Amino acid sequence: MTHTWSEEDDMVALCLFRYGKDCLDRSYQAVCDILGVGLGSMRMRMQNMESIQSDKGYGLNHSAKLSRKVHAKLEVYSEKDLKLIRSEEH
């Protein structure tokens, strides 16, 4: 089954890219299990965020439109802010 990425999923990918698994107090695999996405897919989405954020060409080329939208919306948020947004959504 193919996973359809949501803004929330991309927000998680951004948080994991920026701050690592400690930002969500779970292992990468646990986060992926909750979202219903494979670990490899999450790693690729994190690389999309790296590509968007990097001016040195790191990460993957051709990042998803949704990832660019989420990154633009949340790029100024701190780890604490991202955690608060995430907790308010649940």
N, C-alpha and C. Protein backbone atom coordinates (compact mmCIF):
# COMPACT_ATOMS: atom_id res chain seq x y z
N MET A 1 0.84 -1.17 0.00
CA MET A 1 0.00 0.00 0.00
C MET A 1 0.89 1.24 0.00
N THR A 2 0.55 2.22 -0.81
CA THR A 2 1.30 3.46 -0.92
C THR A 2 0.82 4.45 0.14
N HIS A 3 1.77 5.10 0.76
CA HIS A 3 1.45 6.10 1.78
C HIS A 3 1.24 7.45 1.10
N THR A 4 0.17 8.13 1.44
CA THR A 4 -0.06 9.49 0.96
C THR A 4 0.40 10.45 2.05
N TRP A 5 1.42 11.22 1.75
CA TRP A 5 2.01 12.12 2.74
C TRP A 5 1.09 13.29 3.03
N SER A 6 0.97 13.61 4.31
CA SER A 6 0.16 14.74 4.75
C SER A 6 1.09 15.85 5.25
N GLU A 7 0.53 17.03 5.50
CA GLU A 7 1.33 18.12 6.08
C GLU A 7 1.90 17.70 7.43
N GLU A 8 1.09 17.00 8.21
CA GLU A 8 1.57 16.54 9.52
C GLU A 8 2.76 15.59 9.37
N ASP A 9 2.68 14.69 8.41
CA ASP A 9 3.80 13.76 8.16
C ASP A 9 5.07 14.54 7.81
N ASP A 10 4.91 15.55 6.94
CA ASP A 10 6.07 16.35 6.57
C ASP A 10 6.59 17.17 7.74
N MET A 11 5.70 17.62 8.60
CA MET A 11 6.13 18.33 9.80
C MET A 11 7.00 17.42 10.67
N VAL A 12 6.59 16.17 10.79
CA VAL A 12 7.37 15.19 11.55
C VAL A 12 8.72 14.98 10.88
N ALA A 13 8.73 14.86 9.56
CA ALA A 13 10.00 14.68 8.84
C ALA A 13 10.93 15.87 9.06
N LEU A 14 10.37 17.07 9.06
CA LEU A 14 11.18 18.27 9.30
C LEU A 14 11.75 18.26 10.72
N CYS A 15 10.91 17.92 11.67
CA CYS A 15 11.35 17.85 13.07
C CYS A 15 12.47 16.81 13.24
N LEU A 16 12.28 15.65 12.65
CA LEU A 16 13.29 14.60 12.75
C LEU A 16 14.58 15.00 12.04
N PHE A 17 14.46 15.66 10.90
CA PHE A 17 15.65 16.11 10.18
C PHE A 17 16.43 17.12 11.02
N ARG A 18 15.72 18.09 11.55
CA ARG A 18 16.40 19.16 12.29
C ARG A 18 16.93 18.71 13.66
N TYR A 19 16.14 17.94 14.39
CA TYR A 19 16.45 17.70 15.80
C TYR A 19 16.67 16.24 16.16
N GLY A 20 16.47 15.33 15.22
CA GLY A 20 16.67 13.91 15.51
C GLY A 20 15.48 13.31 16.26
N LYS A 21 15.59 12.05 16.56
CA LYS A 21 14.46 11.32 17.16
C LYS A 21 14.08 11.83 18.54
N ASP A 22 15.00 12.50 19.22
CA ASP A 22 14.69 13.00 20.56
C ASP A 22 13.61 14.08 20.55
N CYS A 23 13.40 14.74 19.41
CA CYS A 23 12.38 15.78 19.36
C CYS A 23 10.98 15.20 19.54
N LEU A 24 10.81 13.93 19.27
CA LEU A 24 9.50 13.28 19.43
C LEU A 24 9.50 12.22 20.52
N ASP A 25 10.62 12.06 21.21
CA ASP A 25 10.72 11.11 22.32
C ASP A 25 10.36 9.68 21.92
N ARG A 26 10.68 9.32 20.67
CA ARG A 26 10.44 7.96 20.18
C ARG A 26 11.55 7.60 19.21
N SER A 27 11.70 6.32 18.95
CA SER A 27 12.67 5.88 17.95
C SER A 27 12.13 6.22 16.56
N TYR A 28 13.03 6.26 15.58
CA TYR A 28 12.59 6.51 14.20
C TYR A 28 11.55 5.48 13.78
N GLN A 29 11.79 4.22 14.11
CA GLN A 29 10.87 3.16 13.71
C GLN A 29 9.51 3.33 14.37
N ALA A 30 9.49 3.72 15.64
CA ALA A 30 8.21 3.93 16.33
C ALA A 30 7.42 5.07 15.68
N VAL A 31 8.10 6.14 15.32
CA VAL A 31 7.44 7.26 14.64
C VAL A 31 6.86 6.79 13.31
N CYS A 32 7.65 6.04 12.56
CA CYS A 32 7.19 5.53 11.26
C CYS A 32 6.00 4.60 11.42
N ASP A 33 6.02 3.76 12.43
CA ASP A 33 4.90 2.85 12.69
C ASP A 33 3.62 3.64 12.99
N ILE A 34 3.74 4.69 13.77
CA ILE A 34 2.58 5.52 14.11
C ILE A 34 2.00 6.17 12.86
N LEU A 35 2.88 6.66 11.99
CA LEU A 35 2.42 7.34 10.77
C LEU A 35 2.02 6.39 9.66
N GLY A 36 2.44 5.12 9.77
CA GLY A 36 2.14 4.16 8.73
C GLY A 36 3.01 4.31 7.50
N VAL A 37 4.26 4.68 7.74
CA VAL A 37 5.20 4.89 6.64
C VAL A 37 6.46 4.08 6.91
N GLY A 38 7.11 3.62 5.86
CA GLY A 38 8.33 2.85 6.02
C GLY A 38 9.49 3.75 6.47
N LEU A 39 10.44 3.15 7.16
CA LEU A 39 11.61 3.88 7.64
C LEU A 39 12.39 4.48 6.48
N GLY A 40 12.55 3.73 5.39
CA GLY A 40 13.26 4.23 4.22
C GLY A 40 12.57 5.44 3.62
N SER A 41 11.25 5.41 3.58
CA SER A 41 10.48 6.54 3.05
C SER A 41 10.66 7.78 3.93
N MET A 42 10.66 7.57 5.25
CA MET A 42 10.85 8.70 6.16
C MET A 42 12.25 9.28 5.99
N ARG A 43 13.24 8.42 5.84
CA ARG A 43 14.61 8.92 5.65
C ARG A 43 14.71 9.75 4.36
N MET A 44 14.02 9.30 3.32
CA MET A 44 14.03 10.06 2.07
C MET A 44 13.32 11.40 2.25
N ARG A 45 12.25 11.41 3.00
CA ARG A 45 11.53 12.67 3.23
C ARG A 45 12.40 13.63 4.05
N MET A 46 13.15 13.08 4.99
CA MET A 46 14.09 13.90 5.77
C MET A 46 15.17 14.47 4.84
N GLN A 47 15.60 13.68 3.87
CA GLN A 47 16.59 14.17 2.90
C GLN A 47 15.98 15.25 2.01
N ASN A 48 14.68 15.15 1.73
CA ASN A 48 13.99 16.22 1.02
C ASN A 48 14.12 17.52 1.81
N MET A 49 13.88 17.44 3.12
CA MET A 49 13.97 18.63 3.97
C MET A 49 15.39 19.18 3.97
N GLU A 50 16.36 18.28 3.98
CA GLU A 50 17.76 18.72 3.93
C GLU A 50 18.04 19.46 2.62
N SER A 51 17.52 18.95 1.54
CA SER A 51 17.72 19.57 0.24
C SER A 51 17.08 20.96 0.19
N ILE A 52 15.90 21.08 0.73
CA ILE A 52 15.19 22.36 0.74
C ILE A 52 15.96 23.38 1.59
N GLN A 53 16.45 22.94 2.71
CA GLN A 53 17.11 23.84 3.66
C GLN A 53 18.54 24.18 3.25
N SER A 54 19.17 23.30 2.53
CA SER A 54 20.58 23.45 2.20
C SER A 54 20.81 24.34 1.00
N ASP A 55 21.82 25.17 1.09
CA ASP A 55 22.22 25.94 -0.08
C ASP A 55 23.46 25.33 -0.73
N LYS A 56 23.85 24.15 -0.26
CA LYS A 56 25.04 23.48 -0.77
C LYS A 56 24.71 22.24 -1.59
N GLY A 57 23.41 22.00 -1.84
CA GLY A 57 23.02 20.87 -2.67
C GLY A 57 22.97 19.53 -1.96
N TYR A 58 22.93 19.55 -0.63
CA TYR A 58 22.82 18.30 0.11
C TYR A 58 21.39 17.76 0.01
N GLY A 59 21.21 16.49 0.35
CA GLY A 59 19.89 15.89 0.33
C GLY A 59 19.51 15.42 -1.06
N LEU A 60 18.23 15.23 -1.27
CA LEU A 60 17.71 14.73 -2.54
C LEU A 60 17.24 15.87 -3.43
N ASN A 61 17.44 15.71 -4.72
CA ASN A 61 16.89 16.65 -5.67
C ASN A 61 15.40 16.39 -5.84
N HIS A 62 14.69 17.35 -6.38
CA HIS A 62 13.27 17.18 -6.71
C HIS A 62 12.41 16.89 -5.48
N SER A 63 12.55 17.70 -4.46
CA SER A 63 11.74 17.51 -3.26
C SER A 63 10.26 17.71 -3.59
N ALA A 64 9.43 17.07 -2.80
CA ALA A 64 7.99 17.12 -3.01
C ALA A 64 7.46 18.54 -2.79
N LYS A 65 6.46 18.91 -3.55
CA LYS A 65 5.82 20.22 -3.42
C LYS A 65 5.29 20.41 -1.99
N LEU A 66 4.69 19.39 -1.44
CA LEU A 66 4.17 19.47 -0.08
C LEU A 66 5.30 19.72 0.91
N SER A 67 6.44 19.07 0.73
CA SER A 67 7.58 19.27 1.64
C SER A 67 8.07 20.71 1.57
N ARG A 68 8.12 21.28 0.38
CA ARG A 68 8.54 22.67 0.24
C ARG A 68 7.56 23.61 0.93
N LYS A 69 6.27 23.30 0.80
CA LYS A 69 5.23 24.12 1.44
C LYS A 69 5.35 24.07 2.96
N VAL A 70 5.50 22.87 3.50
CA VAL A 70 5.60 22.70 4.95
C VAL A 70 6.88 23.36 5.47
N HIS A 71 7.98 23.18 4.75
CA HIS A 71 9.24 23.79 5.17
C HIS A 71 9.11 25.31 5.20
N ALA A 72 8.52 25.89 4.17
CA ALA A 72 8.36 27.34 4.11
C ALA A 72 7.50 27.84 5.27
N LYS A 73 6.49 27.08 5.60
CA LYS A 73 5.56 27.47 6.66
C LYS A 73 6.21 27.37 8.04
N LEU A 74 7.08 26.39 8.22
CA LEU A 74 7.61 26.10 9.56
C LEU A 74 9.09 26.40 9.73
N GLU A 75 9.75 26.97 8.73
CA GLU A 75 11.20 27.12 8.80
C GLU A 75 11.68 27.97 9.96
N VAL A 76 10.87 28.88 10.44
CA VAL A 76 11.30 29.75 11.54
C VAL A 76 10.97 29.19 12.92
N TYR A 77 10.28 28.06 12.97
CA TYR A 77 9.87 27.49 14.24
C TYR A 77 11.02 26.75 14.92
N SER A 78 11.08 26.87 16.23
CA SER A 78 12.08 26.15 17.02
C SER A 78 11.58 24.74 17.30
N GLU A 79 12.45 23.93 17.88
CA GLU A 79 12.05 22.57 18.27
C GLU A 79 10.87 22.61 19.23
N LYS A 80 10.93 23.51 20.20
CA LYS A 80 9.84 23.64 21.18
C LYS A 80 8.53 24.00 20.49
N ASP A 81 8.60 24.95 19.55
CA ASP A 81 7.40 25.36 18.81
C ASP A 81 6.81 24.20 18.01
N LEU A 82 7.68 23.44 17.34
CA LEU A 82 7.19 22.30 16.55
C LEU A 82 6.52 21.27 17.44
N LYS A 83 7.09 21.05 18.63
CA LYS A 83 6.47 20.10 19.57
C LYS A 83 5.10 20.60 20.01
N LEU A 84 4.98 21.90 20.28
CA LEU A 84 3.70 22.47 20.71
C LEU A 84 2.65 22.34 19.61
N ILE A 85 3.02 22.65 18.39
CA ILE A 85 2.08 22.53 17.27
C ILE A 85 1.61 21.10 17.15
N ARG A 86 2.55 20.18 17.22
CA ARG A 86 2.22 18.75 17.09
C ARG A 86 1.28 18.30 18.20
N SER A 87 1.54 18.74 19.45
CA SER A 87 0.70 18.31 20.57
C SER A 87 -0.69 18.92 20.49
N GLU A 88 -0.81 20.12 19.92
CA GLU A 88 -2.11 20.75 19.77
C GLU A 88 -2.97 20.04 18.73
N GLU A 89 -2.33 19.37 17.79
CA GLU A 89 -3.08 18.67 16.74
C GLU A 89 -3.66 17.36 17.22
N HIS A 90 -3.21 16.88 18.38
CA HIS A 90 -3.70 15.58 18.88
C HIS A 90 -4.52 15.72 20.11
